[in-house]
Amino acid sequence: MRESKVLIITAFLNFIVAAIKLVTGIAFSFSTLIADSIQSFIDFFTDIVSLVANRIGKRRANKTYPFGYGQVYYLSNILTGLLLFLIGVFIIYQVFAIENHFVPNIKILLILLFILVLKSIVIILLLRCGNKTKNELLIESYKESKADFISTCVVIVILLISYFEKYLPAYINIDKIGSIGMAIYVFYTSIKMIASNVNGILINDEKNDELKEEIINALKKYKGVRVTKIKIIKMSYYYSVFLQIDIDDDITIKDFIAIHDKIKRKLKTINKLIKYIDIEPM
C-alpha cells in the first residue's frame, strides 16, 4: 500500500477517534477525555501535514535543492511538536478554568474500548508501511498514534479509579488529576519530538559504518579506482552519498564516465535508501 493511501486512511480514522472522544467527553463532562480528544485531533493534523510533506519530500532535486526536499520531513515533525506543546498548555488551562462534575458511566468504557480497536488499526497500518518503505514520516506518525493509544488506556484507568472517588477525600478530583497527567505526557511527547527533529536538521552527517563498508566492498570490483573519502548525509528517510575517489592515470575520461555511471547504479542496488550520489575524482 502506498504511503499517501495509508496516510489518508489513518487520517480519516484519527478524525473519527478524535470526534468520538470530544463528543463523549463533553456529553459526560469528562475533562480527561476532552483533553485526550485534543491530542487525537493533533494526531489527525499530523497525518494531514505528513501527507503534504510526503508529496513535497518526493520532489526531484533541482539547482536550489540539489539534495532533494528531505528536510521537509523534519520541519513538519517540528511543527507538530510545537502544536502539541500548545495543546499541553491549553489542557492545563482548562483544568483550572473550567468546573465540571463528572460521574463515571459504563457507556464511556465501551466507547473507549471501541476507540482502542480503531487506534490499533491505525498503528498496524503505519508501522507496517513505515518499516516497509523506511519512511520517516510514517514512523513518526506511528509513534504519535502509539502515544495516543497509550493516553486512551490512561483515560480508561482514570475512569475505573473514578468509581472509587467517593471513598477518597473531597479535595481529590480524579478527573482533574488525570487531565494534568495527560498534559505532562503531551509536554514530554512534544519536547522529545522537537528535540529529535531539530537534531536531524543540524546533525545530518550519518556515521553509518555498515553502509560505508558496503560501499567500499562494492567498489573493489572496479580496477584502477580507490575510495579515499566517503560522506553519508541522512535526509530524513533517504541518504545522499559523497565519494572522493582516486583513479589511475591510464584511465581515460570516457572510461571514467562509464565507471561513474556503473558505480551509481551499483550503489543504488546495494541500498535502496541511497537516493543521491556525488562522485569526485582526484
C-alpha atoms as a PDB file:
ATOM      1  CA  MET A   1       0.000   0.000   0.000  1.00  0.00           C
ATOM      2  CA  ARG A   2       1.368   3.427  -0.954  1.00  0.00           C
ATOM      3  CA  GLU A   3       2.358   5.881   1.790  1.00  0.00           C
ATOM      4  CA  SER A   4      -0.174   8.512   0.695  1.00  0.00           C
ATOM      5  CA  LYS A   5      -3.029   5.991   0.766  1.00  0.00           C
ATOM      6  CA  VAL A   6      -2.040   4.830   4.257  1.00  0.00           C
ATOM      7  CA  LEU A   7      -1.936   8.426   5.493  1.00  0.00           C
ATOM      8  CA  ILE A   8      -5.395   9.170   4.052  1.00  0.00           C
ATOM      9  CA  ILE A   9      -6.889   6.089   5.747  1.00  0.00           C
ATOM     10  CA  THR A  10      -5.214   6.781   9.100  1.00  0.00           C
ATOM     11  CA  ALA A  11      -6.154  10.475   8.951  1.00  0.00           C
ATOM     12  CA  PHE A  12      -9.808   9.520   8.469  1.00  0.00           C
ATOM     13  CA  LEU A  13      -9.701   7.025  11.362  1.00  0.00           C
ATOM     14  CA  ASN A  14      -7.907   9.529  13.621  1.00  0.00           C
ATOM     15  CA  PHE A  15     -10.556  12.154  12.896  1.00  0.00           C
ATOM     16  CA  ILE A  16     -13.305   9.677  13.814  1.00  0.00           C
ATOM     17  CA  VAL A  17     -11.464   8.802  17.043  1.00  0.00           C
ATOM     18  CA  ALA A  18     -10.943  12.467  17.985  1.00  0.00           C
ATOM     19  CA  ALA A  19     -14.576  13.382  17.260  1.00  0.00           C
ATOM     20  CA  ILE A  20     -15.916  10.460  19.322  1.00  0.00           C
ATOM     21  CA  LYS A  21     -13.652  11.401  22.246  1.00  0.00           C
ATOM     22  CA  LEU A  22     -14.654  15.068  22.154  1.00  0.00           C
ATOM     23  CA  VAL A  23     -18.415  14.413  21.911  1.00  0.00           C
ATOM     24  CA  THR A  24     -18.261  11.767  24.657  1.00  0.00           C
ATOM     25  CA  GLY A  25     -16.110  13.970  26.910  1.00  0.00           C
ATOM     26  CA  ILE A  26     -18.496  16.926  26.583  1.00  0.00           C
ATOM     27  CA  ALA A  27     -21.629  14.766  26.961  1.00  0.00           C
ATOM     28  CA  PHE A  28     -20.409  13.211  30.223  1.00  0.00           C
ATOM     29  CA  SER A  29     -18.379  16.251  31.484  1.00  0.00           C
ATOM     30  CA  PHE A  30     -15.234  14.085  31.465  1.00  0.00           C
ATOM     31  CA  SER A  31     -12.396  16.649  31.207  1.00  0.00           C
ATOM     32  CA  THR A  32      -9.659  13.971  30.974  1.00  0.00           C
ATOM     33  CA  LEU A  33     -11.320  12.592  27.837  1.00  0.00           C
ATOM     34  CA  ILE A  34     -11.749  16.112  26.417  1.00  0.00           C
ATOM     35  CA  ALA A  35      -8.016  16.684  26.929  1.00  0.00           C
ATOM     36  CA  ASP A  36      -7.281  13.358  25.264  1.00  0.00           C
ATOM     37  CA  SER A  37      -9.524  14.255  22.312  1.00  0.00           C
ATOM     38  CA  ILE A  38      -7.448  17.378  21.680  1.00  0.00           C
ATOM     39  CA  GLN A  39      -4.323  15.249  21.374  1.00  0.00           C
ATOM     40  CA  SER A  40      -6.214  12.955  18.978  1.00  0.00           C
ATOM     41  CA  PHE A  41      -7.102  15.942  16.803  1.00  0.00           C
ATOM     42  CA  ILE A  42      -3.385  16.742  16.705  1.00  0.00           C
ATOM     43  CA  ASP A  43      -2.841  13.138  15.609  1.00  0.00           C
ATOM     44  CA  PHE A  44      -5.271  13.795  12.745  1.00  0.00           C
ATOM     45  CA  PHE A  45      -3.494  17.047  11.907  1.00  0.00           C
ATOM     46  CA  THR A  46      -0.157  15.199  11.935  1.00  0.00           C
ATOM     47  CA  ASP A  47      -1.434  12.828   9.250  1.00  0.00           C
ATOM     48  CA  ILE A  48      -2.582  15.756   7.080  1.00  0.00           C
ATOM     49  CA  VAL A  49       0.779  17.528   7.459  1.00  0.00           C
ATOM     50  CA  SER A  50       2.560  14.233   6.766  1.00  0.00           C
ATOM     51  CA  LEU A  51       0.509  13.731   3.613  1.00  0.00           C
ATOM     52  CA  VAL A  52       1.523  17.162   2.300  1.00  0.00           C
ATOM     53  CA  ALA A  53       5.147  16.727   3.405  1.00  0.00           C
ATOM     54  CA  ASN A  54       5.276  13.289   1.775  1.00  0.00           C
ATOM     55  CA  ARG A  55       4.332  14.818  -1.574  1.00  0.00           C
ATOM     56  CA  ILE A  56       6.829  17.677  -1.226  1.00  0.00           C
ATOM     57  CA  GLY A  57       9.615  15.409   0.052  1.00  0.00           C
ATOM     58  CA  LYS A  58       9.437  13.228  -3.058  1.00  0.00           C
ATOM     59  CA  ARG A  59      10.046  16.094  -5.476  1.00  0.00           C
ATOM     60  CA  ARG A  60      13.091  15.749  -7.645  1.00  0.00           C
ATOM     61  CA  ALA A  61      16.272  17.583  -6.734  1.00  0.00           C
ATOM     62  CA  ASN A  62      16.977  20.860  -8.523  1.00  0.00           C
ATOM     63  CA  LYS A  63      19.552  23.665  -8.531  1.00  0.00           C
ATOM     64  CA  THR A  64      18.005  25.278  -5.463  1.00  0.00           C
ATOM     65  CA  TYR A  65      17.780  21.998  -3.518  1.00  0.00           C
ATOM     66  CA  PRO A  66      20.475  19.718  -5.006  1.00  0.00           C
ATOM     67  CA  PHE A  67      19.882  17.014  -2.374  1.00  0.00           C
ATOM     68  CA  GLY A  68      16.118  16.938  -2.660  1.00  0.00           C
ATOM     69  CA  TYR A  69      13.422  18.041  -0.234  1.00  0.00           C
ATOM     70  CA  GLY A  70      14.048  15.508   2.547  1.00  0.00           C
ATOM     71  CA  GLN A  71      14.393  18.194   5.230  1.00  0.00           C
ATOM     72  CA  VAL A  72      10.674  18.975   4.914  1.00  0.00           C
ATOM     73  CA  TYR A  73      10.001  15.794   6.918  1.00  0.00           C
ATOM     74  CA  TYR A  74      11.934  17.161   9.884  1.00  0.00           C
ATOM     75  CA  LEU A  75      10.239  20.563   9.608  1.00  0.00           C
ATOM     76  CA  SER A  76       6.737  19.053   9.566  1.00  0.00           C
ATOM     77  CA  ASN A  77       7.527  16.997  12.688  1.00  0.00           C
ATOM     78  CA  ILE A  78       8.867  20.107  14.459  1.00  0.00           C
ATOM     79  CA  LEU A  79       5.620  21.933  13.608  1.00  0.00           C
ATOM     80  CA  THR A  80       3.617  19.054  15.056  1.00  0.00           C
ATOM     81  CA  GLY A  81       5.747  19.088  18.207  1.00  0.00           C
ATOM     82  CA  LEU A  82       5.131  22.819  18.694  1.00  0.00           C
ATOM     83  CA  LEU A  83       1.385  22.330  18.297  1.00  0.00           C
ATOM     84  CA  LEU A  84       1.454  19.500  20.828  1.00  0.00           C
ATOM     85  CA  PHE A  85       3.212  21.776  23.333  1.00  0.00           C
ATOM     86  CA  LEU A  86       0.495  24.436  22.895  1.00  0.00           C
ATOM     87  CA  ILE A  87      -2.132  21.750  23.400  1.00  0.00           C
ATOM     88  CA  GLY A  88      -0.462  20.864  26.703  1.00  0.00           C
ATOM     89  CA  VAL A  89      -0.747  24.494  27.796  1.00  0.00           C
ATOM     90  CA  PHE A  90      -4.441  24.524  26.855  1.00  0.00           C
ATOM     91  CA  ILE A  91      -5.106  21.324  28.806  1.00  0.00           C
ATOM     92  CA  ILE A  92      -3.561  22.839  31.935  1.00  0.00           C
ATOM     93  CA  TYR A  93      -5.680  25.967  31.413  1.00  0.00           C
ATOM     94  CA  GLN A  94      -8.953  24.072  31.110  1.00  0.00           C
ATOM     95  CA  VAL A  95      -8.184  22.046  34.258  1.00  0.00           C
ATOM     96  CA  PHE A  96      -8.172  25.183  36.422  1.00  0.00           C
ATOM     97  CA  ALA A  97     -10.544  27.413  34.434  1.00  0.00           C
ATOM     98  CA  ILE A  98     -13.457  25.030  33.799  1.00  0.00           C
ATOM     99  CA  GLU A  99     -15.534  23.467  36.587  1.00  0.00           C
ATOM    100  CA  ASN A 100     -17.064  20.069  35.896  1.00  0.00           C
ATOM    101  CA  HIS A 101     -18.935  17.369  37.814  1.00  0.00           C
ATOM    102  CA  PHE A 102     -18.009  14.069  36.251  1.00  0.00           C
ATOM    103  CA  VAL A 103     -19.984  10.924  37.077  1.00  0.00           C
ATOM    104  CA  PRO A 104     -18.465   7.648  35.759  1.00  0.00           C
ATOM    105  CA  ASN A 105     -20.577   5.675  33.305  1.00  0.00           C
ATOM    106  CA  ILE A 106     -20.164   2.210  31.790  1.00  0.00           C
ATOM    107  CA  LYS A 107     -21.062   3.641  28.341  1.00  0.00           C
ATOM    108  CA  ILE A 108     -17.814   5.625  28.364  1.00  0.00           C
ATOM    109  CA  LEU A 109     -15.814   2.434  28.916  1.00  0.00           C
ATOM    110  CA  LEU A 110     -17.477   0.713  25.948  1.00  0.00           C
ATOM    111  CA  ILE A 111     -16.806   3.737  23.742  1.00  0.00           C
ATOM    112  CA  LEU A 112     -13.140   3.844  24.807  1.00  0.00           C
ATOM    113  CA  LEU A 113     -12.713   0.134  24.032  1.00  0.00           C
ATOM    114  CA  PHE A 114     -14.103   0.762  20.540  1.00  0.00           C
ATOM    115  CA  ILE A 115     -11.649   3.647  20.158  1.00  0.00           C
ATOM    116  CA  LEU A 116      -8.754   1.342  21.088  1.00  0.00           C
ATOM    117  CA  VAL A 117      -9.781  -1.004  18.269  1.00  0.00           C
ATOM    118  CA  LEU A 118      -9.706   1.880  15.756  1.00  0.00           C
ATOM    119  CA  LYS A 119      -6.319   3.101  17.058  1.00  0.00           C
ATOM    120  CA  SER A 120      -4.920  -0.434  16.799  1.00  0.00           C
ATOM    121  CA  ILE A 121      -5.810  -0.463  13.101  1.00  0.00           C
ATOM    122  CA  VAL A 122      -4.069   2.907  12.634  1.00  0.00           C
ATOM    123  CA  ILE A 123      -0.932   1.742  14.468  1.00  0.00           C
ATOM    124  CA  ILE A 124      -0.673  -1.508  12.480  1.00  0.00           C
ATOM    125  CA  LEU A 125      -1.075   0.292   9.136  1.00  0.00           C
ATOM    126  CA  LEU A 126       1.532   2.954   9.936  1.00  0.00           C
ATOM    127  CA  LEU A 127       4.037   0.505  11.436  1.00  0.00           C
ATOM    128  CA  ARG A 128       3.891  -1.994   8.579  1.00  0.00           C
ATOM    129  CA  CYS A 129       4.061   0.595   5.807  1.00  0.00           C
ATOM    130  CA  GLY A 130       6.659   2.686   7.667  1.00  0.00           C
ATOM    131  CA  ASN A 131       9.014  -0.267   8.161  1.00  0.00           C
ATOM    132  CA  LYS A 132       8.495  -1.468   4.609  1.00  0.00           C
ATOM    133  CA  THR A 133       9.202   1.876   2.938  1.00  0.00           C
ATOM    134  CA  LYS A 134      11.624   3.235   5.603  1.00  0.00           C
ATOM    135  CA  ASN A 135       9.537   6.417   5.530  1.00  0.00           C
ATOM    136  CA  GLU A 136      10.436   8.695   8.458  1.00  0.00           C
ATOM    137  CA  LEU A 137       7.078  10.465   8.373  1.00  0.00           C
ATOM    138  CA  LEU A 138       5.096   7.247   8.673  1.00  0.00           C
ATOM    139  CA  ILE A 139       7.325   6.115  11.522  1.00  0.00           C
ATOM    140  CA  GLU A 140       6.790   9.434  13.348  1.00  0.00           C
ATOM    141  CA  SER A 141       3.031   9.182  12.728  1.00  0.00           C
ATOM    142  CA  TYR A 142       3.148   5.654  14.139  1.00  0.00           C
ATOM    143  CA  LYS A 143       4.869   6.937  17.296  1.00  0.00           C
ATOM    144  CA  GLU A 144       2.251   9.668  17.646  1.00  0.00           C
ATOM    145  CA  SER A 145      -0.603   7.175  17.206  1.00  0.00           C
ATOM    146  CA  LYS A 146       1.034   4.831  19.703  1.00  0.00           C
ATOM    147  CA  ALA A 147       1.215   7.708  22.188  1.00  0.00           C
ATOM    148  CA  ASP A 148      -2.481   8.412  21.590  1.00  0.00           C
ATOM    149  CA  PHE A 149      -3.275   4.719  22.154  1.00  0.00           C
ATOM    150  CA  ILE A 150      -1.407   4.796  25.478  1.00  0.00           C
ATOM    151  CA  SER A 151      -3.144   8.011  26.532  1.00  0.00           C
ATOM    152  CA  THR A 152      -6.532   6.372  25.820  1.00  0.00           C
ATOM    153  CA  CYS A 153      -5.513   3.472  28.068  1.00  0.00           C
ATOM    154  CA  VAL A 154      -4.668   6.032  30.766  1.00  0.00           C
ATOM    155  CA  VAL A 155      -8.150   7.550  30.350  1.00  0.00           C
ATOM    156  CA  ILE A 156      -9.657   4.100  30.930  1.00  0.00           C
ATOM    157  CA  VAL A 157      -7.602   3.757  34.133  1.00  0.00           C
ATOM    158  CA  ILE A 158      -8.787   7.203  35.289  1.00  0.00           C
ATOM    159  CA  LEU A 159     -12.371   6.191  34.529  1.00  0.00           C
ATOM    160  CA  LEU A 160     -12.073   2.992  36.567  1.00  0.00           C
ATOM    161  CA  ILE A 161     -10.426   4.797  39.504  1.00  0.00           C
ATOM    162  CA  SER A 162     -13.178   7.439  39.482  1.00  0.00           C
ATOM    163  CA  TYR A 163     -15.675   4.749  40.531  1.00  0.00           C
ATOM    164  CA  PHE A 164     -13.909   4.726  43.914  1.00  0.00           C
ATOM    165  CA  GLU A 165     -13.645   8.514  44.228  1.00  0.00           C
ATOM    166  CA  LYS A 166     -16.385   8.579  46.885  1.00  0.00           C
ATOM    167  CA  TYR A 167     -14.016   6.770  49.231  1.00  0.00           C
ATOM    168  CA  LEU A 168     -11.335   9.437  48.803  1.00  0.00           C
ATOM    169  CA  PRO A 169     -11.051  12.865  50.481  1.00  0.00           C
ATOM    170  CA  ALA A 170     -13.348  15.531  48.972  1.00  0.00           C
ATOM    171  CA  TYR A 171     -10.460  17.702  47.791  1.00  0.00           C
ATOM    172  CA  ILE A 172      -9.158  14.926  45.494  1.00  0.00           C
ATOM    173  CA  ASN A 173     -10.591  15.203  41.963  1.00  0.00           C
ATOM    174  CA  ILE A 174      -9.541  12.175  39.930  1.00  0.00           C
ATOM    175  CA  ASP A 175     -10.710  13.737  36.663  1.00  0.00           C
ATOM    176  CA  LYS A 176      -8.557  16.862  37.122  1.00  0.00           C
ATOM    177  CA  ILE A 177      -5.570  14.795  38.207  1.00  0.00           C
ATOM    178  CA  GLY A 178      -5.989  12.737  35.039  1.00  0.00           C
ATOM    179  CA  SER A 179      -6.083  15.892  32.911  1.00  0.00           C
ATOM    180  CA  ILE A 180      -2.877  17.208  34.496  1.00  0.00           C
ATOM    181  CA  GLY A 181      -1.192  13.838  33.903  1.00  0.00           C
ATOM    182  CA  MET A 182      -2.355  13.990  30.286  1.00  0.00           C
ATOM    183  CA  ALA A 183      -0.835  17.465  29.908  1.00  0.00           C
ATOM    184  CA  ILE A 184       2.511  16.289  31.329  1.00  0.00           C
ATOM    185  CA  TYR A 185       2.555  13.397  28.863  1.00  0.00           C
ATOM    186  CA  VAL A 186       1.778  15.780  25.985  1.00  0.00           C
ATOM    187  CA  PHE A 187       4.619  18.091  27.079  1.00  0.00           C
ATOM    188  CA  TYR A 188       7.042  15.153  27.192  1.00  0.00           C
ATOM    189  CA  THR A 189       5.993  13.901  23.739  1.00  0.00           C
ATOM    190  CA  SER A 190       6.220  17.358  22.150  1.00  0.00           C
ATOM    191  CA  ILE A 191       9.655  18.223  23.588  1.00  0.00           C
ATOM    192  CA  LYS A 192      11.035  14.835  22.569  1.00  0.00           C
ATOM    193  CA  MET A 193       9.671  15.238  19.019  1.00  0.00           C
ATOM    194  CA  ILE A 194      11.043  18.775  18.637  1.00  0.00           C
ATOM    195  CA  ALA A 195      14.491  17.851  20.001  1.00  0.00           C
ATOM    196  CA  SER A 196      14.941  14.756  17.815  1.00  0.00           C
ATOM    197  CA  ASN A 197      13.922  16.532  14.589  1.00  0.00           C
ATOM    198  CA  VAL A 198      15.985  19.665  15.283  1.00  0.00           C
ATOM    199  CA  ASN A 199      18.906  17.308  15.819  1.00  0.00           C
ATOM    200  CA  GLY A 200      18.080  15.660  12.474  1.00  0.00           C
ATOM    201  CA  ILE A 201      18.361  19.029  10.701  1.00  0.00           C
ATOM    202  CA  LEU A 202      21.524  20.222  12.454  1.00  0.00           C
ATOM    203  CA  ILE A 203      23.424  16.911  12.511  1.00  0.00           C
ATOM    204  CA  ASN A 204      22.708  15.006   9.334  1.00  0.00           C
ATOM    205  CA  ASP A 205      26.207  13.604   8.767  1.00  0.00           C
ATOM    206  CA  GLU A 206      25.466   9.912   9.191  1.00  0.00           C
ATOM    207  CA  LYS A 207      28.154   7.779  10.853  1.00  0.00           C
ATOM    208  CA  ASN A 208      26.921   4.606   9.242  1.00  0.00           C
ATOM    209  CA  ASP A 209      29.943   2.285   9.258  1.00  0.00           C
ATOM    210  CA  GLU A 210      27.925  -0.638   7.910  1.00  0.00           C
ATOM    211  CA  LEU A 211      26.788   1.308   4.836  1.00  0.00           C
ATOM    212  CA  LYS A 212      30.311   2.655   4.289  1.00  0.00           C
ATOM    213  CA  GLU A 213      31.658  -0.891   4.366  1.00  0.00           C
ATOM    214  CA  GLU A 214      29.056  -1.970   1.804  1.00  0.00           C
ATOM    215  CA  ILE A 215      30.095   0.896  -0.485  1.00  0.00           C
ATOM    216  CA  ILE A 216      33.826   0.080  -0.175  1.00  0.00           C
ATOM    217  CA  ASN A 217      33.212  -3.612  -0.935  1.00  0.00           C
ATOM    218  CA  ALA A 218      31.013  -2.737  -3.913  1.00  0.00           C
ATOM    219  CA  LEU A 219      33.754  -0.526  -5.434  1.00  0.00           C
ATOM    220  CA  LYS A 220      36.534  -3.114  -5.098  1.00  0.00           C
ATOM    221  CA  LYS A 221      35.436  -4.746  -8.338  1.00  0.00           C
ATOM    222  CA  TYR A 222      36.364  -1.638 -10.353  1.00  0.00           C
ATOM    223  CA  LYS A 223      40.053  -1.798 -11.214  1.00  0.00           C
ATOM    224  CA  GLY A 224      42.021   1.416 -11.084  1.00  0.00           C
ATOM    225  CA  VAL A 225      39.524   3.036  -8.710  1.00  0.00           C
ATOM    226  CA  ARG A 226      40.182   3.558  -4.981  1.00  0.00           C
ATOM    227  CA  VAL A 227      37.892   5.259  -2.451  1.00  0.00           C
ATOM    228  CA  THR A 228      39.695   7.973  -0.486  1.00  0.00           C
ATOM    229  CA  LYS A 229      36.716   9.544   1.279  1.00  0.00           C
ATOM    230  CA  ILE A 230      33.073   8.659   1.946  1.00  0.00           C
ATOM    231  CA  LYS A 231      30.495  11.033   3.399  1.00  0.00           C
ATOM    232  CA  ILE A 232      26.916   9.982   4.033  1.00  0.00           C
ATOM    233  CA  ILE A 233      24.222  12.604   4.680  1.00  0.00           C
ATOM    234  CA  LYS A 234      20.856  11.475   6.014  1.00  0.00           C
ATOM    235  CA  MET A 235      17.985  13.453   4.527  1.00  0.00           C
ATOM    236  CA  SER A 236      15.177  12.077   6.671  1.00  0.00           C
ATOM    237  CA  TYR A 237      14.211   8.785   5.025  1.00  0.00           C
ATOM    238  CA  TYR A 238      16.967   8.616   2.383  1.00  0.00           C
ATOM    239  CA  TYR A 239      20.752   9.064   2.050  1.00  0.00           C
ATOM    240  CA  SER A 240      22.951  11.293  -0.060  1.00  0.00           C
ATOM    241  CA  VAL A 241      26.385   9.761  -0.613  1.00  0.00           C
ATOM    242  CA  PHE A 242      29.529  11.752  -1.478  1.00  0.00           C
ATOM    243  CA  LEU A 243      32.508   9.801  -2.781  1.00  0.00           C
ATOM    244  CA  GLN A 244      36.031  11.014  -3.365  1.00  0.00           C
ATOM    245  CA  ILE A 245      37.945   8.502  -5.463  1.00  0.00           C
ATOM    246  CA  ASP A 246      41.485   8.154  -6.715  1.00  0.00           C
ATOM    247  CA  ILE A 247      41.808   6.834 -10.287  1.00  0.00           C
ATOM    248  CA  ASP A 248      44.803   5.525 -12.224  1.00  0.00           C
ATOM    249  CA  ASP A 249      46.430   7.865 -14.749  1.00  0.00           C
ATOM    250  CA  ASP A 250      45.839   5.480 -17.652  1.00  0.00           C
ATOM    251  CA  ILE A 251      42.032   5.637 -17.270  1.00  0.00           C
ATOM    252  CA  THR A 252      40.554   7.889 -19.959  1.00  0.00           C
ATOM    253  CA  ILE A 253      37.703  10.339 -19.479  1.00  0.00           C
ATOM    254  CA  LYS A 254      35.438   8.042 -21.479  1.00  0.00           C
ATOM    255  CA  ASP A 255      36.329   5.096 -19.233  1.00  0.00           C
ATOM    256  CA  PHE A 256      35.779   7.182 -16.104  1.00  0.00           C
ATOM    257  CA  ILE A 257      32.314   8.280 -17.267  1.00  0.00           C
ATOM    258  CA  ALA A 258      31.392   4.628 -17.841  1.00  0.00           C
ATOM    259  CA  ILE A 259      32.740   3.650 -14.403  1.00  0.00           C
ATOM    260  CA  HIS A 260      30.983   6.661 -12.842  1.00  0.00           C
ATOM    261  CA  ASP A 261      27.587   5.530 -14.177  1.00  0.00           C
ATOM    262  CA  LYS A 262      28.176   1.911 -13.148  1.00  0.00           C
ATOM    263  CA  ILE A 263      29.100   2.948  -9.593  1.00  0.00           C
ATOM    264  CA  LYS A 264      25.888   4.974  -9.247  1.00  0.00           C
ATOM    265  CA  ARG A 265      23.741   2.095 -10.446  1.00  0.00           C
ATOM    266  CA  LYS A 266      25.592  -0.359  -8.215  1.00  0.00           C
ATOM    267  CA  LEU A 267      25.246   1.707  -5.034  1.00  0.00           C
ATOM    268  CA  LYS A 268      21.512   2.179  -5.550  1.00  0.00           C
ATOM    269  CA  THR A 269      21.099  -1.585  -5.813  1.00  0.00           C
ATOM    270  CA  ILE A 270      23.028  -2.399  -2.618  1.00  0.00           C
ATOM    271  CA  ASN A 271      20.874   0.003  -0.568  1.00  0.00           C
ATOM    272  CA  LYS A 272      17.536   1.340  -1.791  1.00  0.00           C
ATOM    273  CA  LEU A 273      17.706   4.251   0.666  1.00  0.00           C
ATOM    274  CA  ILE A 274      20.596   5.791  -1.310  1.00  0.00           C
ATOM    275  CA  LYS A 275      18.911   8.420  -3.464  1.00  0.00           C
ATOM    276  CA  TYR A 276      21.678  10.859  -4.490  1.00  0.00           C
ATOM    277  CA  ILE A 277      25.316  10.050  -5.295  1.00  0.00           C
ATOM    278  CA  ASP A 278      28.053  12.578  -6.000  1.00  0.00           C
ATOM    279  CA  ILE A 279      31.439  11.245  -7.182  1.00  0.00           C
ATOM    280  CA  GLU A 280      34.517  13.465  -7.204  1.00  0.00           C
ATOM    281  CA  PRO A 281      37.691  12.097  -8.882  1.00  0.00           C
ATOM    282  CA  MET A 282      41.110  13.005  -7.507  1.00  0.00           C
END
